[in-house]
C-alpha atoms as a PDB file:
ATOM      1  CA  MET A   1       1.030  -3.890 -19.515  1.00  0.00           C
ATOM      2  CA  GLY A   2      -2.293  -5.637 -20.000  1.00  0.00           C
ATOM      3  CA  SER A   3      -1.455  -8.218 -17.359  1.00  0.00           C
ATOM      4  CA  GLU A   4      -1.231  -5.617 -14.575  1.00  0.00           C
ATOM      5  CA  LYS A   5      -3.959  -5.975 -11.988  1.00  0.00           C
ATOM      6  CA  LYS A   6      -5.974  -3.019 -10.810  1.00  0.00           C
ATOM      7  CA  LEU A   7      -5.907  -2.186  -7.135  1.00  0.00           C
ATOM      8  CA  THR A   8      -9.010  -2.602  -5.050  1.00  0.00           C
ATOM      9  CA  PRO A   9     -10.257   0.524  -3.268  1.00  0.00           C
ATOM     10  CA  ARG A  10      -8.944  -0.870   0.042  1.00  0.00           C
ATOM     11  CA  GLU A  11      -5.502  -1.523  -1.445  1.00  0.00           C
ATOM     12  CA  PHE A  12      -5.464   2.007  -2.835  1.00  0.00           C
ATOM     13  CA  GLN A  13      -6.431   3.440   0.573  1.00  0.00           C
ATOM     14  CA  THR A  14      -3.708   1.299   2.136  1.00  0.00           C
ATOM     15  CA  LEU A  15      -1.162   2.715  -0.305  1.00  0.00           C
ATOM     16  CA  LEU A  16      -2.185   6.273   0.556  1.00  0.00           C
ATOM     17  CA  MET A  17      -1.990   5.572   4.297  1.00  0.00           C
ATOM     18  CA  VAL A  18       1.495   4.066   3.904  1.00  0.00           C
ATOM     19  CA  ALA A  19       2.550   7.128   1.905  1.00  0.00           C
ATOM     20  CA  ASN A  20       1.298   9.301   4.778  1.00  0.00           C
ATOM     21  CA  GLY A  21       3.442   7.493   7.351  1.00  0.00           C
ATOM     22  CA  ILE A  22       1.059   4.868   8.724  1.00  0.00           C
ATOM     23  CA  ASN A  23       3.380   2.012   8.010  1.00  0.00           C
ATOM     24  CA  THR A  24       2.840  -1.109  10.115  1.00  0.00           C
ATOM     25  CA  THR A  25       0.188  -3.792   9.725  1.00  0.00           C
ATOM     26  CA  THR A  26      -1.013  -3.094  13.272  1.00  0.00           C
ATOM     27  CA  GLU A  27      -1.586   0.624  12.613  1.00  0.00           C
ATOM     28  CA  LEU A  28      -3.285  -0.067   9.291  1.00  0.00           C
ATOM     29  CA  ALA A  29      -5.497  -2.799  10.771  1.00  0.00           C
ATOM     30  CA  LYS A  30      -6.673  -0.388  13.478  1.00  0.00           C
ATOM     31  CA  GLY A  31      -7.420   2.262  10.859  1.00  0.00           C
ATOM     32  CA  PHE A  32      -9.489  -0.106   8.718  1.00  0.00           C
ATOM     33  CA  ARG A  33     -10.878  -2.138  11.637  1.00  0.00           C
ATOM     34  CA  VAL A  34      -9.793  -5.409  10.050  1.00  0.00           C
ATOM     35  CA  SER A  35      -7.344  -8.132  11.065  1.00  0.00           C
ATOM     36  CA  ARG A  36      -3.585  -7.841  10.595  1.00  0.00           C
ATOM     37  CA  PRO A  37      -3.506 -10.834   8.187  1.00  0.00           C
ATOM     38  CA  THR A  38      -6.019  -9.022   5.954  1.00  0.00           C
ATOM     39  CA  VAL A  39      -3.800  -5.927   5.832  1.00  0.00           C
ATOM     40  CA  ALA A  40      -0.734  -8.123   5.304  1.00  0.00           C
ATOM     41  CA  GLY A  41      -2.423  -9.550   2.202  1.00  0.00           C
ATOM     42  CA  TRP A  42      -3.051  -6.066   0.804  1.00  0.00           C
ATOM     43  CA  LEU A  43       0.548  -5.045   1.519  1.00  0.00           C
ATOM     44  CA  LYS A  44       1.862  -8.233  -0.071  1.00  0.00           C
ATOM     45  CA  ARG A  45      -0.039  -7.461  -3.268  1.00  0.00           C
ATOM     46  CA  LEU A  46       1.168  -3.849  -3.238  1.00  0.00           C
ATOM     47  CA  LYS A  47       4.738  -5.075  -2.704  1.00  0.00           C
ATOM     48  CA  GLN A  48       4.427  -7.490  -5.638  1.00  0.00           C
ATOM     49  CA  SER A  49       3.229  -4.555  -7.760  1.00  0.00           C
ATOM     50  CA  GLY A  50       6.288  -2.545  -6.720  1.00  0.00           C
ATOM     51  CA  LEU A  51       4.212   0.188  -5.076  1.00  0.00           C
ATOM     52  CA  VAL A  52       5.404  -0.403  -1.499  1.00  0.00           C
ATOM     53  CA  ASP A  53       8.586  -1.825  -0.065  1.00  0.00           C
ATOM     54  CA  VAL A  54       9.781  -3.104   3.299  1.00  0.00           C
ATOM     55  CA  VAL A  55      12.121  -0.612   4.947  1.00  0.00           C
ATOM     56  CA  LEU A  56      12.714  -2.288   8.315  1.00  0.00           C
ATOM     57  CA  ARG A  57      11.960  -5.502  10.158  1.00  0.00           C
ATOM     58  CA  ASP A  58      12.723  -5.206  13.866  1.00  0.00           C
ATOM     59  CA  GLY A  59      11.502  -8.602  15.037  1.00  0.00           C
ATOM     60  CA  LYS A  60       8.117  -7.334  16.207  1.00  0.00           C
ATOM     61  CA  TYR A  61       6.975  -5.106  13.363  1.00  0.00           C
ATOM     62  CA  THR A  62       7.579  -4.755   9.652  1.00  0.00           C
ATOM     63  CA  TYR A  63       7.637  -1.182   8.407  1.00  0.00           C
ATOM     64  CA  TYR A  64       6.570  -0.300   4.865  1.00  0.00           C
ATOM     65  CA  CYS A  65       7.029   2.758   2.673  1.00  0.00           C
ATOM     66  CA  ALA A  66       5.554   3.790  -0.661  1.00  0.00           C
ATOM     67  CA  THR A  67       8.026   3.637  -3.526  1.00  0.00           C
ATOM     68  CA  GLY A  68       8.641   6.419  -6.023  1.00  0.00           C
ATOM     69  CA  ARG A  69       6.914   4.259  -8.629  1.00  0.00           C
ATOM     70  CA  ALA A  70       3.640   4.676  -6.745  1.00  0.00           C
ATOM     71  CA  PHE A  71       3.601   8.376  -7.530  1.00  0.00           C
ATOM     72  CA  LYS A  72       4.594   8.080 -11.181  1.00  0.00           C
ATOM     73  CA  GLN A  73       1.811   5.671 -12.118  1.00  0.00           C
ATOM     74  CA  PRO A  74      -1.759   6.827 -12.613  1.00  0.00           C
ATOM     75  CA  CYS A  75      -4.269   6.202  -9.872  1.00  0.00           C
ATOM     76  CA  PRO A  76      -5.949   2.856 -10.555  1.00  0.00           C
ATOM     77  CA  THR A  77      -9.392   4.263  -9.836  1.00  0.00           C
ATOM     78  CA  CYS A  78      -9.383   7.745 -11.377  1.00  0.00           C
ATOM     79  CA  GLY A  79      -6.429   7.791 -13.802  1.00  0.00           C
ATOM     80  CA  LYS A  80      -4.713  10.855 -12.273  1.00  0.00           C
ATOM     81  CA  PRO A  81      -1.223  10.694 -10.768  1.00  0.00           C
ATOM     82  CA  LEU A  82      -1.487   9.750  -7.084  1.00  0.00           C
ATOM     83  CA  GLU A  83      -0.145  13.079  -5.899  1.00  0.00           C
ATOM     84  CA  GLU A  84      -3.138  14.766  -7.591  1.00  0.00           C
ATOM     85  CA  ALA A  85      -5.739  12.140  -6.643  1.00  0.00           C
END
């Protein structure tokens, strides 16, 4: 448990946006006004943490969704469950 890394505020915002249906790197990059590789890095870290997963790759886009685990763990910034945060 002690080896788990805390999410950065941007990664947390990314997780919330994915949970709300904004689920491609292009859409997220537009929302944050950053490059797609930057968003891909955040999503990769969230995927390694088990908080998001790939649901579809169609050749042009990769679609992500938040996993059930994301809503059972406490928010990394405030300690409340994500559905309450």
